Amino acid sequence: PKRTLYFAFGHDEEVGGSGARALKETLMKRGIKPPALVLDEGGAIMPGDVVGVKGTVALVGASEKGFLSLQLTVKGAGGHSSTPPAHTAIGRLATAITRLEASPFPAVLDGPTREMMERLRGGMGYGARLALSNLWLLGPIVTRGMTAQQTGAAMLRTTTAVTIVHGGVKANVLPIEAKATVNFRIRPGESIASVTERVRQVVADTAVHIEAVGFRTEPSPVSDAAGAGFSAIERSLREIFPAPDLIVTPYLVTGGTDARNWSDVSSQTFRFLAAPMTADALTRAHGTNERVALGGYVMAVRFYERLLRNIDGL
């Protein structure tokens, strides 16, 4: 290729991404031009039935959700369990947790998720096509149907997950402290500040101390799927995967990648690995026997070869 290429591999993508930030900052200090395209992993090629359509779907991540963990802490007086108060520290914490789980964040069909559904509708049945062609009227019905499934809900709202709980030391001793960690994956349009404030309002108990802990990041900006970078990705993919029923679409990555560190310097920041993934392979991610098929590996290599040629036109 005639364009300059940078291969930026951070050492800690799964545990914070400080390496990617340092790489970005170093390159910017050296005066490189803002990248015309940033491409990380994130999306993949998968059978359409995984997302409820006919054909094959290539999901190209155009944005990713933010990450926030809030720790909820309740103090107690302690004492013997034979003379308990109306609510122990654990009981009061449990009430706060129950309120959070009973009050999910609003589900909103917009941004890359809305564009994804509009692009996928051609591979759906008549009823779904009708609904997705008239979102101005039937949007609430589509939203309700998507939130009935975990994956769909994660694409539409900031998610709430209670992941760690600590409290109590013995069966006959009242706890002097109870703690819970609640993890939030923040959808674009919301922020760490807005999520924290909503949690305070929902918990509605000044005895519950709420503070952010550990790694946190805002949702990334949404890259324009009408831009030259996305077009180069789609063109390269269709050249090596000429299936007539292939649907290439942007989508919202509900996890996290190193790409979030580059969004502020490139409006064409995407997340995609051109390797076909089956439903079984998706369940193995970060699990036992995680792997990619040899044919998928070869296809990924071919995709990158085509992309390196096609980016000269950016």
C-alpha atoms as a PDB file:
ATOM      1  CA  PRO A   1       0.000   0.000   0.000  1.00  0.00           C
ATOM      2  CA  LYS A   2       1.024   3.585  -0.594  1.00  0.00           C
ATOM      3  CA  ARG A   3      -0.434   4.813   2.672  1.00  0.00           C
ATOM      4  CA  THR A   4       1.467   4.647   5.951  1.00  0.00           C
ATOM      5  CA  LEU A   5       0.343   1.812   8.218  1.00  0.00           C
ATOM      6  CA  TYR A   6       0.796   1.510  11.967  1.00  0.00           C
ATOM      7  CA  PHE A   7       0.375  -1.797  13.781  1.00  0.00           C
ATOM      8  CA  ALA A   8      -0.405  -0.945  17.402  1.00  0.00           C
ATOM      9  CA  PHE A   9      -0.590  -3.918  19.763  1.00  0.00           C
ATOM     10  CA  GLY A  10      -1.185  -3.122  23.426  1.00  0.00           C
ATOM     11  CA  HIS A  11      -0.065  -5.541  26.132  1.00  0.00           C
ATOM     12  CA  ASP A  12      -3.180  -5.343  28.321  1.00  0.00           C
ATOM     13  CA  GLU A  13      -6.262  -5.126  26.113  1.00  0.00           C
ATOM     14  CA  GLU A  14      -8.286  -7.415  28.398  1.00  0.00           C
ATOM     15  CA  VAL A  15      -7.352  -5.693  31.657  1.00  0.00           C
ATOM     16  CA  GLY A  16      -7.468  -1.958  31.073  1.00  0.00           C
ATOM     17  CA  GLY A  17      -5.882  -0.899  27.786  1.00  0.00           C
ATOM     18  CA  SER A  18      -3.137   1.330  29.189  1.00  0.00           C
ATOM     19  CA  GLY A  19      -0.803   0.007  26.489  1.00  0.00           C
ATOM     20  CA  ALA A  20      -3.099   1.190  23.703  1.00  0.00           C
ATOM     21  CA  ARG A  21      -3.415   4.620  25.298  1.00  0.00           C
ATOM     22  CA  ALA A  22       0.366   4.923  25.574  1.00  0.00           C
ATOM     23  CA  LEU A  23       0.800   3.864  21.941  1.00  0.00           C
ATOM     24  CA  LYS A  24      -1.748   6.422  20.762  1.00  0.00           C
ATOM     25  CA  GLU A  25      -0.264   9.224  22.841  1.00  0.00           C
ATOM     26  CA  THR A  26       3.284   8.410  21.697  1.00  0.00           C
ATOM     27  CA  LEU A  27       2.334   8.424  18.025  1.00  0.00           C
ATOM     28  CA  MET A  28       0.399  11.668  18.381  1.00  0.00           C
ATOM     29  CA  LYS A  29       3.368  13.323  20.118  1.00  0.00           C
ATOM     30  CA  ARG A  30       5.516  12.279  17.175  1.00  0.00           C
ATOM     31  CA  GLY A  31       3.229  14.275  14.924  1.00  0.00           C
ATOM     32  CA  ILE A  32       1.543  11.582  12.854  1.00  0.00           C
ATOM     33  CA  LYS A  33      -1.576  12.579  10.975  1.00  0.00           C
ATOM     34  CA  PRO A  34      -4.906  11.446  12.444  1.00  0.00           C
ATOM     35  CA  PRO A  35      -5.573   7.940  11.062  1.00  0.00           C
ATOM     36  CA  ALA A  36      -8.040   7.715   8.186  1.00  0.00           C
ATOM     37  CA  LEU A  37      -9.073   4.310   9.551  1.00  0.00           C
ATOM     38  CA  VAL A  38      -8.553   2.455  12.818  1.00  0.00           C
ATOM     39  CA  LEU A  39      -9.492  -1.232  12.825  1.00  0.00           C
ATOM     40  CA  ASP A  40      -9.534  -3.463  15.898  1.00  0.00           C
ATOM     41  CA  GLU A  41     -11.215  -6.775  16.642  1.00  0.00           C
ATOM     42  CA  GLY A  42     -14.770  -6.848  17.965  1.00  0.00           C
ATOM     43  CA  GLY A  43     -17.295  -7.989  15.359  1.00  0.00           C
ATOM     44  CA  ALA A  44     -17.218 -11.085  13.164  1.00  0.00           C
ATOM     45  CA  ILE A  45     -18.919 -12.982  10.347  1.00  0.00           C
ATOM     46  CA  MET A  46     -21.670 -15.262  11.571  1.00  0.00           C
ATOM     47  CA  PRO A  47     -24.655 -17.268  10.352  1.00  0.00           C
ATOM     48  CA  GLY A  48     -27.730 -15.114  10.024  1.00  0.00           C
ATOM     49  CA  ASP A  49     -29.774 -17.328  12.330  1.00  0.00           C
ATOM     50  CA  VAL A  50     -27.639 -16.122  15.236  1.00  0.00           C
ATOM     51  CA  VAL A  51     -29.330 -12.725  14.845  1.00  0.00           C
ATOM     52  CA  GLY A  52     -32.596 -14.014  13.392  1.00  0.00           C
ATOM     53  CA  VAL A  53     -32.108 -13.449   9.663  1.00  0.00           C
ATOM     54  CA  LYS A  54     -31.496 -15.502   6.551  1.00  0.00           C
ATOM     55  CA  GLY A  55     -28.039 -15.502   4.989  1.00  0.00           C
ATOM     56  CA  THR A  56     -24.722 -14.432   6.482  1.00  0.00           C
ATOM     57  CA  VAL A  57     -24.075 -11.356   8.591  1.00  0.00           C
ATOM     58  CA  ALA A  58     -20.880  -9.360   9.087  1.00  0.00           C
ATOM     59  CA  LEU A  59     -21.111  -7.256  12.241  1.00  0.00           C
ATOM     60  CA  VAL A  60     -18.705  -4.312  12.188  1.00  0.00           C
ATOM     61  CA  GLY A  61     -18.473  -2.548  15.535  1.00  0.00           C
ATOM     62  CA  ALA A  62     -19.043   1.198  15.093  1.00  0.00           C
ATOM     63  CA  SER A  63     -19.018   1.998  18.802  1.00  0.00           C
ATOM     64  CA  GLU A  64     -18.626   0.285  22.151  1.00  0.00           C
ATOM     65  CA  LYS A  65     -20.287   0.679  25.491  1.00  0.00           C
ATOM     66  CA  GLY A  66     -18.682   2.373  28.446  1.00  0.00           C
ATOM     67  CA  PHE A  67     -17.617   0.556  31.605  1.00  0.00           C
ATOM     68  CA  LEU A  68     -18.295   1.473  35.224  1.00  0.00           C
ATOM     69  CA  SER A  69     -18.283  -0.408  38.517  1.00  0.00           C
ATOM     70  CA  LEU A  70     -19.971   1.134  41.543  1.00  0.00           C
ATOM     71  CA  GLN A  71     -19.416  -0.185  45.040  1.00  0.00           C
ATOM     72  CA  LEU A  72     -22.367   0.012  47.427  1.00  0.00           C
ATOM     73  CA  THR A  73     -21.432  -0.048  51.119  1.00  0.00           C
ATOM     74  CA  VAL A  74     -23.688  -0.203  54.173  1.00  0.00           C
ATOM     75  CA  LYS A  75     -22.359   0.048  57.728  1.00  0.00           C
ATOM     76  CA  GLY A  76     -23.972  -1.753  60.681  1.00  0.00           C
ATOM     77  CA  ALA A  77     -23.667  -1.588  64.470  1.00  0.00           C
ATOM     78  CA  GLY A  78     -22.789  -5.255  64.825  1.00  0.00           C
ATOM     79  CA  GLY A  79     -23.857  -7.270  67.840  1.00  0.00           C
ATOM     80  CA  HIS A  80     -25.455 -10.640  68.493  1.00  0.00           C
ATOM     81  CA  SER A  81     -27.918 -12.150  66.051  1.00  0.00           C
ATOM     82  CA  SER A  82     -30.345 -12.953  68.875  1.00  0.00           C
ATOM     83  CA  THR A  83     -31.340  -9.277  69.114  1.00  0.00           C
ATOM     84  CA  PRO A  84     -31.255  -7.983  65.533  1.00  0.00           C
ATOM     85  CA  PRO A  85     -32.482  -4.624  64.215  1.00  0.00           C
ATOM     86  CA  ALA A  86     -35.265  -4.442  61.644  1.00  0.00           C
ATOM     87  CA  HIS A  87     -32.642  -4.375  58.886  1.00  0.00           C
ATOM     88  CA  THR A  88     -29.049  -5.542  59.127  1.00  0.00           C
ATOM     89  CA  ALA A  89     -26.338  -4.061  56.927  1.00  0.00           C
ATOM     90  CA  ILE A  90     -26.816  -7.016  54.586  1.00  0.00           C
ATOM     91  CA  GLY A  91     -30.587  -6.562  54.534  1.00  0.00           C
ATOM     92  CA  ARG A  92     -30.312  -2.882  53.735  1.00  0.00           C
ATOM     93  CA  LEU A  93     -27.792  -3.607  50.994  1.00  0.00           C
ATOM     94  CA  ALA A  94     -30.108  -6.291  49.611  1.00  0.00           C
ATOM     95  CA  THR A  95     -32.905  -3.727  49.396  1.00  0.00           C
ATOM     96  CA  ALA A  96     -30.658  -1.394  47.400  1.00  0.00           C
ATOM     97  CA  ILE A  97     -29.693  -4.219  45.043  1.00  0.00           C
ATOM     98  CA  THR A  98     -33.330  -5.218  44.589  1.00  0.00           C
ATOM     99  CA  ARG A  99     -34.261  -1.648  43.690  1.00  0.00           C
ATOM    100  CA  LEU A 100     -31.517  -1.489  41.070  1.00  0.00           C
ATOM    101  CA  GLU A 101     -32.496  -4.770  39.443  1.00  0.00           C
ATOM    102  CA  ALA A 102     -36.166  -3.780  39.477  1.00  0.00           C
ATOM    103  CA  SER A 103     -35.415  -0.463  37.739  1.00  0.00           C
ATOM    104  CA  PRO A 104     -33.438  -1.172  34.556  1.00  0.00           C
ATOM    105  CA  PHE A 105     -32.173   1.731  32.497  1.00  0.00           C
ATOM    106  CA  PRO A 106     -34.419   2.906  29.635  1.00  0.00           C
ATOM    107  CA  ALA A 107     -34.164   0.954  26.390  1.00  0.00           C
ATOM    108  CA  VAL A 108     -33.509   3.174  23.374  1.00  0.00           C
ATOM    109  CA  LEU A 109     -33.383   2.009  19.753  1.00  0.00           C
ATOM    110  CA  ASP A 110     -30.978   4.460  18.145  1.00  0.00           C
ATOM    111  CA  GLY A 111     -27.462   4.846  16.779  1.00  0.00           C
ATOM    112  CA  PRO A 112     -25.663   1.782  15.399  1.00  0.00           C
ATOM    113  CA  THR A 113     -28.276  -0.601  16.818  1.00  0.00           C
ATOM    114  CA  ARG A 114     -31.069   1.082  14.895  1.00  0.00           C
ATOM    115  CA  GLU A 115     -28.983   1.101  11.706  1.00  0.00           C
ATOM    116  CA  MET A 116     -28.146  -2.571  12.243  1.00  0.00           C
ATOM    117  CA  MET A 117     -31.814  -3.522  12.524  1.00  0.00           C
ATOM    118  CA  GLU A 118     -32.669  -1.512   9.415  1.00  0.00           C
ATOM    119  CA  ARG A 119     -29.932  -3.270   7.427  1.00  0.00           C
ATOM    120  CA  LEU A 120     -30.908  -6.704   8.739  1.00  0.00           C
ATOM    121  CA  ARG A 121     -34.593  -6.370   7.918  1.00  0.00           C
ATOM    122  CA  GLY A 122     -34.105  -7.579   4.334  1.00  0.00           C
ATOM    123  CA  GLY A 123     -33.241 -11.027   5.675  1.00  0.00           C
ATOM    124  CA  MET A 124     -36.210 -11.224   8.033  1.00  0.00           C
ATOM    125  CA  GLY A 125     -39.771 -12.438   7.706  1.00  0.00           C
ATOM    126  CA  TYR A 126     -42.637 -10.239   6.535  1.00  0.00           C
ATOM    127  CA  GLY A 127     -43.796  -9.198   9.996  1.00  0.00           C
ATOM    128  CA  ALA A 128     -40.339  -8.130  11.132  1.00  0.00           C
ATOM    129  CA  ARG A 129     -39.690  -6.295   7.846  1.00  0.00           C
ATOM    130  CA  LEU A 130     -42.966  -4.436   8.253  1.00  0.00           C
ATOM    131  CA  ALA A 131     -42.126  -3.388  11.806  1.00  0.00           C
ATOM    132  CA  LEU A 132     -38.571  -2.322  10.975  1.00  0.00           C
ATOM    133  CA  SER A 133     -39.757  -0.350   7.954  1.00  0.00           C
ATOM    134  CA  ASN A 134     -42.087   1.642  10.199  1.00  0.00           C
ATOM    135  CA  LEU A 135     -40.045   2.289  13.318  1.00  0.00           C
ATOM    136  CA  TRP A 136     -41.626   5.745  13.601  1.00  0.00           C
ATOM    137  CA  LEU A 137     -44.839   3.912  14.522  1.00  0.00           C
ATOM    138  CA  LEU A 138     -43.824   0.429  15.660  1.00  0.00           C
ATOM    139  CA  GLY A 139     -40.525   1.263  17.348  1.00  0.00           C
ATOM    140  CA  PRO A 140     -41.872   0.585  20.866  1.00  0.00           C
ATOM    141  CA  ILE A 141     -42.992  -2.903  19.821  1.00  0.00           C
ATOM    142  CA  VAL A 142     -39.573  -3.675  18.315  1.00  0.00           C
ATOM    143  CA  THR A 143     -37.857  -2.350  21.426  1.00  0.00           C
ATOM    144  CA  ARG A 144     -40.050  -4.466  23.697  1.00  0.00           C
ATOM    145  CA  GLY A 145     -39.305  -7.574  21.659  1.00  0.00           C
ATOM    146  CA  MET A 146     -35.549  -6.966  21.713  1.00  0.00           C
ATOM    147  CA  THR A 147     -35.401  -6.326  25.453  1.00  0.00           C
ATOM    148  CA  ALA A 148     -37.081  -9.678  26.080  1.00  0.00           C
ATOM    149  CA  GLN A 149     -33.728 -11.266  25.185  1.00  0.00           C
ATOM    150  CA  GLN A 150     -30.467 -10.673  27.032  1.00  0.00           C
ATOM    151  CA  THR A 151     -28.447  -9.905  23.910  1.00  0.00           C
ATOM    152  CA  GLY A 152     -31.071  -7.543  22.534  1.00  0.00           C
ATOM    153  CA  ALA A 153     -31.454  -5.745  25.847  1.00  0.00           C
ATOM    154  CA  ALA A 154     -27.688  -5.218  26.064  1.00  0.00           C
ATOM    155  CA  MET A 155     -27.755  -3.407  22.718  1.00  0.00           C
ATOM    156  CA  LEU A 156     -30.536  -1.054  23.765  1.00  0.00           C
ATOM    157  CA  ARG A 157     -29.803  -0.041  27.336  1.00  0.00           C
ATOM    158  CA  THR A 158     -27.131   0.493  29.935  1.00  0.00           C
ATOM    159  CA  THR A 159     -26.976  -2.866  31.682  1.00  0.00           C
ATOM    160  CA  THR A 160     -26.846  -3.495  35.422  1.00  0.00           C
ATOM    161  CA  ALA A 161     -25.063  -6.553  36.823  1.00  0.00           C
ATOM    162  CA  VAL A 162     -24.427  -7.262  40.503  1.00  0.00           C
ATOM    163  CA  THR A 163     -21.135  -9.138  40.340  1.00  0.00           C
ATOM    164  CA  ILE A 164     -19.579  -9.173  43.839  1.00  0.00           C
ATOM    165  CA  VAL A 165     -21.131  -9.274  47.323  1.00  0.00           C
ATOM    166  CA  HIS A 166     -19.376  -9.345  50.708  1.00  0.00           C
ATOM    167  CA  GLY A 167     -20.920  -9.268  54.175  1.00  0.00           C
ATOM    168  CA  GLY A 168     -20.905 -11.084  57.487  1.00  0.00           C
ATOM    169  CA  VAL A 169     -18.370 -13.352  59.187  1.00  0.00           C
ATOM    170  CA  LYS A 170     -20.411 -15.751  61.369  1.00  0.00           C
ATOM    171  CA  ALA A 171     -23.978 -17.006  61.501  1.00  0.00           C
ATOM    172  CA  ASN A 172     -24.595 -15.584  64.986  1.00  0.00           C
ATOM    173  CA  VAL A 173     -22.873 -12.206  64.518  1.00  0.00           C
ATOM    174  CA  LEU A 174     -24.544  -9.154  63.021  1.00  0.00           C
ATOM    175  CA  PRO A 175     -22.466  -7.739  60.154  1.00  0.00           C
ATOM    176  CA  ILE A 176     -20.756  -4.407  60.726  1.00  0.00           C
ATOM    177  CA  GLU A 177     -20.405  -3.889  56.984  1.00  0.00           C
ATOM    178  CA  ALA A 178     -21.839  -5.189  53.729  1.00  0.00           C
ATOM    179  CA  LYS A 179     -20.562  -4.382  50.240  1.00  0.00           C
ATOM    180  CA  ALA A 180     -21.666  -5.070  46.694  1.00  0.00           C
ATOM    181  CA  THR A 181     -20.038  -4.267  43.374  1.00  0.00           C
ATOM    182  CA  VAL A 182     -22.409  -3.466  40.536  1.00  0.00           C
ATOM    183  CA  ASN A 183     -21.064  -3.335  36.983  1.00  0.00           C
ATOM    184  CA  PHE A 184     -22.629  -1.127  34.328  1.00  0.00           C
ATOM    185  CA  ARG A 185     -22.021  -1.247  30.579  1.00  0.00           C
ATOM    186  CA  ILE A 186     -22.996   2.238  29.446  1.00  0.00           C
ATOM    187  CA  ARG A 187     -24.716   2.778  26.117  1.00  0.00           C
ATOM    188  CA  PRO A 188     -23.784   5.763  23.921  1.00  0.00           C
ATOM    189  CA  GLY A 189     -25.877   8.734  24.951  1.00  0.00           C
ATOM    190  CA  GLU A 190     -25.326   8.165  28.661  1.00  0.00           C
ATOM    191  CA  SER A 191     -22.237   8.764  30.780  1.00  0.00           C
ATOM    192  CA  ILE A 192     -20.477   7.732  33.961  1.00  0.00           C
ATOM    193  CA  ALA A 193     -21.932  10.793  35.682  1.00  0.00           C
ATOM    194  CA  SER A 194     -25.507  10.188  34.520  1.00  0.00           C
ATOM    195  CA  VAL A 195     -25.382   6.502  35.461  1.00  0.00           C
ATOM    196  CA  THR A 196     -24.009   7.271  38.915  1.00  0.00           C
ATOM    197  CA  GLU A 197     -26.683   9.893  39.529  1.00  0.00           C
ATOM    198  CA  ARG A 198     -29.468   7.551  38.430  1.00  0.00           C
ATOM    199  CA  VAL A 199     -28.174   4.827  40.745  1.00  0.00           C
ATOM    200  CA  ARG A 200     -28.313   7.259  43.676  1.00  0.00           C
ATOM    201  CA  GLN A 201     -31.888   8.174  42.785  1.00  0.00           C
ATOM    202  CA  VAL A 202     -33.007   4.555  42.438  1.00  0.00           C
ATOM    203  CA  VAL A 203     -31.317   3.366  45.637  1.00  0.00           C
ATOM    204  CA  ALA A 204     -32.777   6.381  47.459  1.00  0.00           C
ATOM    205  CA  ASP A 205     -31.046   5.565  50.746  1.00  0.00           C
ATOM    206  CA  THR A 206     -28.403   7.826  52.253  1.00  0.00           C
ATOM    207  CA  ALA A 207     -27.200   4.930  54.403  1.00  0.00           C
ATOM    208  CA  VAL A 208     -25.897   3.274  51.231  1.00  0.00           C
ATOM    209  CA  HIS A 209     -22.540   4.793  50.313  1.00  0.00           C
ATOM    210  CA  ILE A 210     -21.946   4.717  46.547  1.00  0.00           C
ATOM    211  CA  GLU A 211     -18.560   5.201  44.900  1.00  0.00           C
ATOM    212  CA  ALA A 212     -16.854   4.285  41.635  1.00  0.00           C
ATOM    213  CA  VAL A 213     -14.125   1.661  41.896  1.00  0.00           C
ATOM    214  CA  GLY A 214     -11.533   0.282  39.513  1.00  0.00           C
ATOM    215  CA  PHE A 215     -11.308   0.772  35.782  1.00  0.00           C
ATOM    216  CA  ARG A 216     -13.906   2.972  34.115  1.00  0.00           C
ATOM    217  CA  THR A 217     -14.431   4.474  30.666  1.00  0.00           C
ATOM    218  CA  GLU A 218     -17.090   6.469  28.853  1.00  0.00           C
ATOM    219  CA  PRO A 219     -18.960   5.033  25.833  1.00  0.00           C
ATOM    220  CA  SER A 220     -16.992   5.579  22.645  1.00  0.00           C
ATOM    221  CA  PRO A 221     -18.185   7.948  19.906  1.00  0.00           C
ATOM    222  CA  VAL A 222     -20.161   6.327  17.089  1.00  0.00           C
ATOM    223  CA  SER A 223     -18.203   6.058  13.834  1.00  0.00           C
ATOM    224  CA  ASP A 224     -20.091   6.897  10.652  1.00  0.00           C
ATOM    225  CA  ALA A 225     -20.913   3.803   8.607  1.00  0.00           C
ATOM    226  CA  ALA A 226     -21.338   6.070   5.571  1.00  0.00           C
ATOM    227  CA  GLY A 227     -17.661   7.029   5.745  1.00  0.00           C
ATOM    228  CA  ALA A 228     -14.755   5.893   3.581  1.00  0.00           C
ATOM    229  CA  GLY A 229     -13.305   3.616   6.259  1.00  0.00           C
ATOM    230  CA  PHE A 230     -16.439   1.515   6.597  1.00  0.00           C
ATOM    231  CA  SER A 231     -16.759   1.401   2.808  1.00  0.00           C
ATOM    232  CA  ALA A 232     -13.210   0.017   2.521  1.00  0.00           C
ATOM    233  CA  ILE A 233     -14.013  -2.668   5.082  1.00  0.00           C
ATOM    234  CA  GLU A 234     -17.220  -3.651   3.292  1.00  0.00           C
ATOM    235  CA  ARG A 235     -15.589  -3.658  -0.143  1.00  0.00           C
ATOM    236  CA  SER A 236     -12.705  -5.829   1.066  1.00  0.00           C
ATOM    237  CA  LEU A 237     -15.083  -8.253   2.721  1.00  0.00           C
ATOM    238  CA  ARG A 238     -17.279  -8.651  -0.340  1.00  0.00           C
ATOM    239  CA  GLU A 239     -14.228  -9.279  -2.511  1.00  0.00           C
ATOM    240  CA  ILE A 240     -13.225 -12.327  -0.459  1.00  0.00           C
ATOM    241  CA  PHE A 241     -16.707 -13.424   0.577  1.00  0.00           C
ATOM    242  CA  PRO A 242     -18.896 -12.916  -2.509  1.00  0.00           C
ATOM    243  CA  ALA A 243     -22.069 -14.432  -1.039  1.00  0.00           C
ATOM    244  CA  PRO A 244     -25.165 -12.726  -2.504  1.00  0.00           C
ATOM    245  CA  ASP A 245     -26.956 -12.937   0.848  1.00  0.00           C
ATOM    246  CA  LEU A 246     -24.147 -11.274   2.837  1.00  0.00           C
ATOM    247  CA  ILE A 247     -25.330  -8.381   5.015  1.00  0.00           C
ATOM    248  CA  VAL A 248     -22.619  -6.002   6.247  1.00  0.00           C
ATOM    249  CA  THR A 249     -23.796  -3.787   9.060  1.00  0.00           C
ATOM    250  CA  PRO A 250     -22.495  -1.564  11.848  1.00  0.00           C
ATOM    251  CA  TYR A 251     -23.385  -2.584  15.376  1.00  0.00           C
ATOM    252  CA  LEU A 252     -22.773  -1.675  19.005  1.00  0.00           C
ATOM    253  CA  VAL A 253     -20.055  -3.716  20.722  1.00  0.00           C
ATOM    254  CA  THR A 254     -21.349  -4.498  24.203  1.00  0.00           C
ATOM    255  CA  GLY A 255     -17.910  -5.471  25.500  1.00  0.00           C
ATOM    256  CA  GLY A 256     -14.697  -3.481  25.284  1.00  0.00           C
ATOM    257  CA  THR A 257     -11.725  -3.235  22.918  1.00  0.00           C
ATOM    258  CA  ASP A 258      -8.564  -1.167  22.559  1.00  0.00           C
ATOM    259  CA  ALA A 259     -10.289   0.779  19.779  1.00  0.00           C
ATOM    260  CA  ARG A 260     -11.919   3.057  22.351  1.00  0.00           C
ATOM    261  CA  ASN A 261      -8.525   4.697  22.885  1.00  0.00           C
ATOM    262  CA  TRP A 262      -8.366   5.815  19.245  1.00  0.00           C
ATOM    263  CA  SER A 263     -11.854   7.220  18.758  1.00  0.00           C
ATOM    264  CA  ASP A 264     -10.773  10.716  19.710  1.00  0.00           C
ATOM    265  CA  VAL A 265      -8.267  10.883  16.836  1.00  0.00           C
ATOM    266  CA  SER A 266     -10.174   9.046  14.096  1.00  0.00           C
ATOM    267  CA  SER A 267     -13.856   9.317  13.243  1.00  0.00           C
ATOM    268  CA  GLN A 268     -13.497   6.039  11.328  1.00  0.00           C
ATOM    269  CA  THR A 269     -12.743   3.647  14.199  1.00  0.00           C
ATOM    270  CA  PHE A 270     -14.189   0.164  13.755  1.00  0.00           C
ATOM    271  CA  ARG A 271     -14.028  -3.263  15.378  1.00  0.00           C
ATOM    272  CA  PHE A 272     -14.130  -6.333  13.146  1.00  0.00           C
ATOM    273  CA  LEU A 273     -12.393  -9.670  12.608  1.00  0.00           C
ATOM    274  CA  ALA A 274     -13.204 -11.248   9.247  1.00  0.00           C
ATOM    275  CA  ALA A 275     -13.410 -14.803  10.566  1.00  0.00           C
ATOM    276  CA  PRO A 276     -16.660 -16.786  10.333  1.00  0.00           C
ATOM    277  CA  MET A 277     -17.928 -17.676  13.803  1.00  0.00           C
ATOM    278  CA  THR A 278     -20.564 -20.279  14.618  1.00  0.00           C
ATOM    279  CA  ALA A 279     -22.935 -20.018  17.564  1.00  0.00           C
ATOM    280  CA  ASP A 280     -20.837 -22.679  19.302  1.00  0.00           C
ATOM    281  CA  ALA A 281     -17.636 -20.724  18.745  1.00  0.00           C
ATOM    282  CA  LEU A 282     -19.204 -17.603  20.228  1.00  0.00           C
ATOM    283  CA  THR A 283     -20.018 -19.435  23.465  1.00  0.00           C
ATOM    284  CA  ARG A 284     -16.359 -20.454  23.784  1.00  0.00           C
ATOM    285  CA  ALA A 285     -15.043 -16.883  23.825  1.00  0.00           C
ATOM    286  CA  HIS A 286     -12.828 -16.477  26.913  1.00  0.00           C
ATOM    287  CA  GLY A 287     -13.828 -20.025  27.863  1.00  0.00           C
ATOM    288  CA  THR A 288     -12.828 -23.654  27.498  1.00  0.00           C
ATOM    289  CA  ASN A 289     -11.437 -24.661  24.098  1.00  0.00           C
ATOM    290  CA  GLU A 290     -11.638 -21.170  22.624  1.00  0.00           C
ATOM    291  CA  ARG A 291     -10.604 -21.486  19.002  1.00  0.00           C
ATOM    292  CA  VAL A 292     -11.118 -20.384  15.426  1.00  0.00           C
ATOM    293  CA  ALA A 293     -11.552 -22.704  12.449  1.00  0.00           C
ATOM    294  CA  LEU A 294      -8.614 -22.985  10.035  1.00  0.00           C
ATOM    295  CA  GLY A 295     -10.826 -21.811   7.190  1.00  0.00           C
ATOM    296  CA  GLY A 296     -11.797 -18.768   9.218  1.00  0.00           C
ATOM    297  CA  TYR A 297      -8.159 -17.973   9.909  1.00  0.00           C
ATOM    298  CA  VAL A 298      -7.369 -18.122   6.194  1.00  0.00           C
ATOM    299  CA  MET A 299     -10.314 -15.857   5.405  1.00  0.00           C
ATOM    300  CA  ALA A 300      -9.136 -13.302   7.955  1.00  0.00           C
ATOM    301  CA  VAL A 301      -5.696 -13.237   6.347  1.00  0.00           C
ATOM    302  CA  ARG A 302      -7.251 -12.747   2.920  1.00  0.00           C
ATOM    303  CA  PHE A 303      -9.438  -9.941   4.248  1.00  0.00           C
ATOM    304  CA  TYR A 304      -6.496  -8.020   5.685  1.00  0.00           C
ATOM    305  CA  GLU A 305      -4.602  -8.481   2.413  1.00  0.00           C
ATOM    306  CA  ARG A 306      -7.514  -6.981   0.484  1.00  0.00           C
ATOM    307  CA  LEU A 307      -7.982  -4.173   2.994  1.00  0.00           C
ATOM    308  CA  LEU A 308      -4.319  -3.170   2.736  1.00  0.00           C
ATOM    309  CA  ARG A 309      -4.820  -2.750  -0.991  1.00  0.00           C
ATOM    310  CA  ASN A 310      -8.134  -0.935  -0.726  1.00  0.00           C
ATOM    311  CA  ILE A 311      -7.127   1.640   1.878  1.00  0.00           C
ATOM    312  CA  ASP A 312      -5.043   3.459  -0.724  1.00  0.00           C
ATOM    313  CA  GLY A 313      -8.317   4.943  -1.880  1.00  0.00           C
ATOM    314  CA  LEU A 314      -9.122   6.547   1.475  1.00  0.00           C
END
